[in-house]
Amino acid sequence: MLRDEGWILRKARSEAARFECGDYFAVDGQYNVIVAKDLQLDDYAAEHGLLKPYEALEPLDD
């Protein structure tokens, strides 16, 4: 999972960052470099057993 790998989840705040990295991306906490782009939170959570098959994430109003 993110913490086990030393990664920090980030949300893009600008259009340029969103274009470069997607809405969500991960940064290595030790080296401060982007290690994963275009993270799909629901897919990631399901793959790592954080969501049950009947659960889903709802988008937040920005």
PDB file of N, CA and C in Angstrom:
ATOM      1  N   MET A   1       0.830  -1.183   0.000  1.00  0.00           N
ATOM      2  CA  MET A   1       0.000   0.000   0.000  1.00  0.00           C
ATOM      3  C   MET A   1       0.874   1.246   0.000  1.00  0.00           C
ATOM      4  N   LEU A   2       0.269   2.367  -0.125  1.00  0.00           N
ATOM      5  CA  LEU A   2       1.029   3.616  -0.241  1.00  0.00           C
ATOM      6  C   LEU A   2       1.995   3.805   0.927  1.00  0.00           C
ATOM      7  N   ARG A   3       1.505   3.672   2.135  1.00  0.00           N
ATOM      8  CA  ARG A   3       2.352   3.912   3.309  1.00  0.00           C
ATOM      9  C   ARG A   3       3.497   2.908   3.381  1.00  0.00           C
ATOM     10  N   ASP A   4       3.210   1.645   3.084  1.00  0.00           N
ATOM     11  CA  ASP A   4       4.247   0.615   3.138  1.00  0.00           C
ATOM     12  C   ASP A   4       5.377   0.898   2.153  1.00  0.00           C
ATOM     13  N   GLU A   5       5.044   1.545   1.050  1.00  0.00           N
ATOM     14  CA  GLU A   5       6.035   1.874   0.028  1.00  0.00           C
ATOM     15  C   GLU A   5       6.680   3.236   0.266  1.00  0.00           C
ATOM     16  N   GLY A   6       6.221   3.953   1.294  1.00  0.00           N
ATOM     17  CA  GLY A   6       6.764   5.281   1.580  1.00  0.00           C
ATOM     18  C   GLY A   6       6.211   6.351   0.660  1.00  0.00           C
ATOM     19  N   TRP A   7       5.059   6.073   0.055  1.00  0.00           N
ATOM     20  CA  TRP A   7       4.455   7.019  -0.884  1.00  0.00           C
ATOM     21  C   TRP A   7       3.427   7.897  -0.181  1.00  0.00           C
ATOM     22  N   ILE A   8       3.232   9.087  -0.726  1.00  0.00           N
ATOM     23  CA  ILE A   8       2.236  10.031  -0.232  1.00  0.00           C
ATOM     24  C   ILE A   8       1.272  10.322  -1.376  1.00  0.00           C
ATOM     25  N   LEU A   9      -0.011  10.207  -1.115  1.00  0.00           N
ATOM     26  CA  LEU A   9      -1.033  10.495  -2.124  1.00  0.00           C
ATOM     27  C   LEU A   9      -1.218  12.000  -2.240  1.00  0.00           C
ATOM     28  N   ARG A  10      -1.244  12.496  -3.453  1.00  0.00           N
ATOM     29  CA  ARG A  10      -1.452  13.919  -3.714  1.00  0.00           C
ATOM     30  C   ARG A  10      -2.574  14.092  -4.734  1.00  0.00           C
ATOM     31  N   LYS A  11      -3.266  15.221  -4.626  1.00  0.00           N
ATOM     32  CA  LYS A  11      -4.290  15.592  -5.605  1.00  0.00           C
ATOM     33  C   LYS A  11      -3.786  16.803  -6.361  1.00  0.00           C
ATOM     34  N   ALA A  12      -3.878  16.744  -7.672  1.00  0.00           N
ATOM     35  CA  ALA A  12      -3.422  17.869  -8.501  1.00  0.00           C
ATOM     36  C   ALA A  12      -4.281  19.093  -8.199  1.00  0.00           C
ATOM     37  N   ARG A  13      -3.628  20.238  -8.046  1.00  0.00           N
ATOM     38  CA  ARG A  13      -4.355  21.458  -7.716  1.00  0.00           C
ATOM     39  C   ARG A  13      -4.483  22.417  -8.898  1.00  0.00           C
ATOM     40  N   SER A  14      -3.680  22.223  -9.922  1.00  0.00           N
ATOM     41  CA  SER A  14      -3.757  23.124 -11.075  1.00  0.00           C
ATOM     42  C   SER A  14      -4.035  22.315 -12.335  1.00  0.00           C
ATOM     43  N   GLU A  15      -4.451  22.996 -13.365  1.00  0.00           N
ATOM     44  CA  GLU A  15      -4.703  22.327 -14.650  1.00  0.00           C
ATOM     45  C   GLU A  15      -3.411  21.737 -15.210  1.00  0.00           C
ATOM     46  N   ALA A  16      -2.308  22.451 -15.050  1.00  0.00           N
ATOM     47  CA  ALA A  16      -1.020  21.950 -15.549  1.00  0.00           C
ATOM     48  C   ALA A  16      -0.628  20.657 -14.828  1.00  0.00           C
ATOM     49  N   ALA A  17      -0.795  20.642 -13.519  1.00  0.00           N
ATOM     50  CA  ALA A  17      -0.476  19.423 -12.751  1.00  0.00           C
ATOM     51  C   ALA A  17      -1.418  18.292 -13.116  1.00  0.00           C
ATOM     52  N   ARG A  18      -2.679  18.604 -13.325  1.00  0.00           N
ATOM     53  CA  ARG A  18      -3.674  17.600 -13.711  1.00  0.00           C
ATOM     54  C   ARG A  18      -3.328  17.012 -15.075  1.00  0.00           C
ATOM     55  N   PHE A  19      -2.877  17.843 -15.985  1.00  0.00           N
ATOM     56  CA  PHE A  19      -2.481  17.379 -17.316  1.00  0.00           C
ATOM     57  C   PHE A  19      -1.246  16.483 -17.225  1.00  0.00           C
ATOM     58  N   GLU A  20      -0.295  16.864 -16.376  1.00  0.00           N
ATOM     59  CA  GLU A  20       0.966  16.135 -16.235  1.00  0.00           C
ATOM     60  C   GLU A  20       0.815  14.826 -15.458  1.00  0.00           C
ATOM     61  N   CYS A  21       0.044  14.864 -14.364  1.00  0.00           N
ATOM     62  CA  CYS A  21       0.018  13.732 -13.426  1.00  0.00           C
ATOM     63  C   CYS A  21      -1.334  13.064 -13.263  1.00  0.00           C
ATOM     64  N   GLY A  22      -2.400  13.655 -13.789  1.00  0.00           N
ATOM     65  CA  GLY A  22      -3.742  13.139 -13.549  1.00  0.00           C
ATOM     66  C   GLY A  22      -4.313  13.768 -12.285  1.00  0.00           C
ATOM     67  N   ASP A  23      -5.537  13.406 -11.952  1.00  0.00           N
ATOM     68  CA  ASP A  23      -6.173  13.984 -10.765  1.00  0.00           C
ATOM     69  C   ASP A  23      -5.445  13.593  -9.483  1.00  0.00           C
ATOM     70  N   TYR A  24      -5.041  12.333  -9.393  1.00  0.00           N
ATOM     71  CA  TYR A  24      -4.342  11.838  -8.207  1.00  0.00           C
ATOM     72  C   TYR A  24      -3.027  11.200  -8.615  1.00  0.00           C
ATOM     73  N   PHE A  25      -1.994  11.419  -7.808  1.00  0.00           N
ATOM     74  CA  PHE A  25      -0.689  10.834  -8.078  1.00  0.00           C
ATOM     75  C   PHE A  25       0.006  10.563  -6.751  1.00  0.00           C
ATOM     76  N   ALA A  26       1.084   9.796  -6.795  1.00  0.00           N
ATOM     77  CA  ALA A  26       1.821   9.455  -5.579  1.00  0.00           C
ATOM     78  C   ALA A  26       3.243   9.989  -5.668  1.00  0.00           C
ATOM     79  N   VAL A  27       3.733  10.444  -4.521  1.00  0.00           N
ATOM     80  CA  VAL A  27       5.083  10.992  -4.408  1.00  0.00           C
ATOM     81  C   VAL A  27       5.851  10.156  -3.390  1.00  0.00           C
ATOM     82  N   ASP A  28       7.098   9.842  -3.695  1.00  0.00           N
ATOM     83  CA  ASP A  28       7.955   9.151  -2.737  1.00  0.00           C
ATOM     84  C   ASP A  28       8.279  10.135  -1.621  1.00  0.00           C
ATOM     85  N   GLY A  29       7.929   9.789  -0.392  1.00  0.00           N
ATOM     86  CA  GLY A  29       8.111  10.684   0.742  1.00  0.00           C
ATOM     87  C   GLY A  29       9.553  10.973   1.087  1.00  0.00           C
ATOM     88  N   GLN A  30      10.447  10.071   0.772  1.00  0.00           N
ATOM     89  CA  GLN A  30      11.859  10.274   1.106  1.00  0.00           C
ATOM     90  C   GLN A  30      12.582  11.106   0.057  1.00  0.00           C
ATOM     91  N   TYR A  31      12.314  10.827  -1.208  1.00  0.00           N
ATOM     92  CA  TYR A  31      13.052  11.489  -2.290  1.00  0.00           C
ATOM     93  C   TYR A  31      12.271  12.615  -2.971  1.00  0.00           C
ATOM     94  N   ASN A  32      10.990  12.757  -2.619  1.00  0.00           N
ATOM     95  CA  ASN A  32      10.135  13.804  -3.167  1.00  0.00           C
ATOM     96  C   ASN A  32      10.084  13.781  -4.694  1.00  0.00           C
ATOM     97  N   VAL A  33       9.889  12.591  -5.251  1.00  0.00           N
ATOM     98  CA  VAL A  33       9.730  12.429  -6.694  1.00  0.00           C
ATOM     99  C   VAL A  33       8.406  11.722  -6.960  1.00  0.00           C
ATOM    100  N   ILE A  34       7.809  12.004  -8.104  1.00  0.00           N
ATOM    101  CA  ILE A  34       6.555  11.357  -8.488  1.00  0.00           C
ATOM    102  C   ILE A  34       6.843   9.909  -8.859  1.00  0.00           C
ATOM    103  N   VAL A  35       6.121   8.983  -8.236  1.00  0.00           N
ATOM    104  CA  VAL A  35       6.344   7.557  -8.479  1.00  0.00           C
ATOM    105  C   VAL A  35       5.152   6.883  -9.164  1.00  0.00           C
ATOM    106  N   ALA A  36       3.999   7.537  -9.170  1.00  0.00           N
ATOM    107  CA  ALA A  36       2.824   6.974  -9.852  1.00  0.00           C
ATOM    108  C   ALA A  36       1.925   8.116 -10.294  1.00  0.00           C
ATOM    109  N   LYS A  37       1.484   8.050 -11.536  1.00  0.00           N
ATOM    110  CA  LYS A  37       0.592   9.073 -12.090  1.00  0.00           C
ATOM    111  C   LYS A  37      -0.752   8.450 -12.424  1.00  0.00           C
ATOM    112  N   ASP A  38      -1.755   9.307 -12.567  1.00  0.00           N
ATOM    113  CA  ASP A  38      -3.095   8.881 -12.989  1.00  0.00           C
ATOM    114  C   ASP A  38      -3.662   7.759 -12.119  1.00  0.00           C
ATOM    115  N   LEU A  39      -3.504   7.871 -10.805  1.00  0.00           N
ATOM    116  CA  LEU A  39      -4.044   6.852  -9.909  1.00  0.00           C
ATOM    117  C   LEU A  39      -5.574   6.911  -9.915  1.00  0.00           C
ATOM    118  N   GLN A  40      -6.185   5.780 -10.095  1.00  0.00           N
ATOM    119  CA  GLN A  40      -7.635   5.649  -9.980  1.00  0.00           C
ATOM    120  C   GLN A  40      -7.901   5.104  -8.587  1.00  0.00           C
ATOM    121  N   LEU A  41      -8.408   5.932  -7.697  1.00  0.00           N
ATOM    122  CA  LEU A  41      -8.517   5.559  -6.295  1.00  0.00           C
ATOM    123  C   LEU A  41      -9.394   4.336  -6.066  1.00  0.00           C
ATOM    124  N   ASP A  42     -10.513   4.236  -6.775  1.00  0.00           N
ATOM    125  CA  ASP A  42     -11.385   3.082  -6.557  1.00  0.00           C
ATOM    126  C   ASP A  42     -10.718   1.783  -7.011  1.00  0.00           C
ATOM    127  N   ASP A  43     -10.017   1.819  -8.135  1.00  0.00           N
ATOM    128  CA  ASP A  43      -9.301   0.627  -8.605  1.00  0.00           C
ATOM    129  C   ASP A  43      -8.178   0.254  -7.638  1.00  0.00           C
ATOM    130  N   TYR A  44      -7.419   1.246  -7.192  1.00  0.00           N
ATOM    131  CA  TYR A  44      -6.311   0.993  -6.265  1.00  0.00           C
ATOM    132  C   TYR A  44      -6.835   0.389  -4.963  1.00  0.00           C
ATOM    133  N   ALA A  45      -7.907   0.977  -4.432  1.00  0.00           N
ATOM    134  CA  ALA A  45      -8.469   0.482  -3.177  1.00  0.00           C
ATOM    135  C   ALA A  45      -8.991  -0.943  -3.320  1.00  0.00           C
ATOM    136  N   ALA A  46      -9.632  -1.252  -4.429  1.00  0.00           N
ATOM    137  CA  ALA A  46     -10.149  -2.603  -4.653  1.00  0.00           C
ATOM    138  C   ALA A  46      -9.011  -3.613  -4.791  1.00  0.00           C
ATOM    139  N   GLU A  47      -7.962  -3.258  -5.512  1.00  0.00           N
ATOM    140  CA  GLU A  47      -6.818  -4.151  -5.712  1.00  0.00           C
ATOM    141  C   GLU A  47      -6.121  -4.491  -4.400  1.00  0.00           C
ATOM    142  N   HIS A  48      -6.120  -3.562  -3.453  1.00  0.00           N
ATOM    143  CA  HIS A  48      -5.420  -3.769  -2.195  1.00  0.00           C
ATOM    144  C   HIS A  48      -6.352  -4.173  -1.046  1.00  0.00           C
ATOM    145  N   GLY A  49      -7.570  -4.564  -1.380  1.00  0.00           N
ATOM    146  CA  GLY A  49      -8.499  -5.061  -0.376  1.00  0.00           C
ATOM    147  C   GLY A  49      -9.055  -4.001   0.555  1.00  0.00           C
ATOM    148  N   LEU A  50      -9.020  -2.744   0.147  1.00  0.00           N
ATOM    149  CA  LEU A  50      -9.524  -1.671   0.982  1.00  0.00           C
ATOM    150  C   LEU A  50     -11.009  -1.424   0.777  1.00  0.00           C
ATOM    151  N   LEU A  51     -11.558  -1.926  -0.318  1.00  0.00           N
ATOM    152  CA  LEU A  51     -12.986  -1.826  -0.600  1.00  0.00           C
ATOM    153  C   LEU A  51     -13.545  -3.221  -0.820  1.00  0.00           C
ATOM    154  N   LYS A  52     -14.717  -3.456  -0.286  1.00  0.00           N
ATOM    155  CA  LYS A  52     -15.428  -4.712  -0.548  1.00  0.00           C
ATOM    156  C   LYS A  52     -16.031  -4.630  -1.952  1.00  0.00           C
ATOM    157  N   PRO A  53     -16.346  -5.769  -2.567  1.00  0.00           N
ATOM    158  CA  PRO A  53     -16.896  -5.749  -3.932  1.00  0.00           C
ATOM    159  C   PRO A  53     -18.177  -4.909  -4.073  1.00  0.00           C
ATOM    160  N   TYR A  54     -18.931  -4.770  -3.017  1.00  0.00           N
ATOM    161  CA  TYR A  54     -20.188  -4.013  -3.062  1.00  0.00           C
ATOM    162  C   TYR A  54     -20.004  -2.538  -2.688  1.00  0.00           C
ATOM    163  N   GLU A  55     -18.788  -2.114  -2.342  1.00  0.00           N
ATOM    164  CA  GLU A  55     -18.521  -0.732  -1.966  1.00  0.00           C
ATOM    165  C   GLU A  55     -17.974   0.057  -3.153  1.00  0.00           C
ATOM    166  N   ALA A  56     -18.175   1.359  -3.110  1.00  0.00           N
ATOM    167  CA  ALA A  56     -17.653   2.248  -4.149  1.00  0.00           C
ATOM    168  C   ALA A  56     -17.350   3.615  -3.536  1.00  0.00           C
ATOM    169  N   LEU A  57     -16.428   4.319  -4.136  1.00  0.00           N
ATOM    170  CA  LEU A  57     -16.121   5.681  -3.703  1.00  0.00           C
ATOM    171  C   LEU A  57     -17.015   6.648  -4.446  1.00  0.00           C
ATOM    172  N   GLU A  58     -17.449   7.680  -3.742  1.00  0.00           N
ATOM    173  CA  GLU A  58     -18.261   8.717  -4.371  1.00  0.00           C
ATOM    174  C   GLU A  58     -17.400   9.940  -4.594  1.00  0.00           C
ATOM    175  N   PRO A  59     -17.540  10.579  -5.752  1.00  0.00           N
ATOM    176  CA  PRO A  59     -16.749  11.791  -5.998  1.00  0.00           C
ATOM    177  C   PRO A  59     -17.161  12.934  -5.091  1.00  0.00           C
ATOM    178  N   LEU A  60     -16.181  13.712  -4.665  1.00  0.00           N
ATOM    179  CA  LEU A  60     -16.446  14.898  -3.862  1.00  0.00           C
ATOM    180  C   LEU A  60     -16.750  16.072  -4.768  1.00  0.00           C
ATOM    181  N   ASP A  61     -17.591  16.960  -4.316  1.00  0.00           N
ATOM    182  CA  ASP A  61     -17.834  18.181  -5.074  1.00  0.00           C
ATOM    183  C   ASP A  61     -16.668  19.118  -4.854  1.00  0.00           C
ATOM    184  N   ASP A  62     -16.030  19.550  -5.944  1.00  0.00           N
ATOM    185  CA  ASP A  62     -14.871  20.453  -5.822  1.00  0.00           C
ATOM    186  C   ASP A  62     -15.314  21.882  -5.770  1.00  0.00           C
TER     187      ASP A  62
END
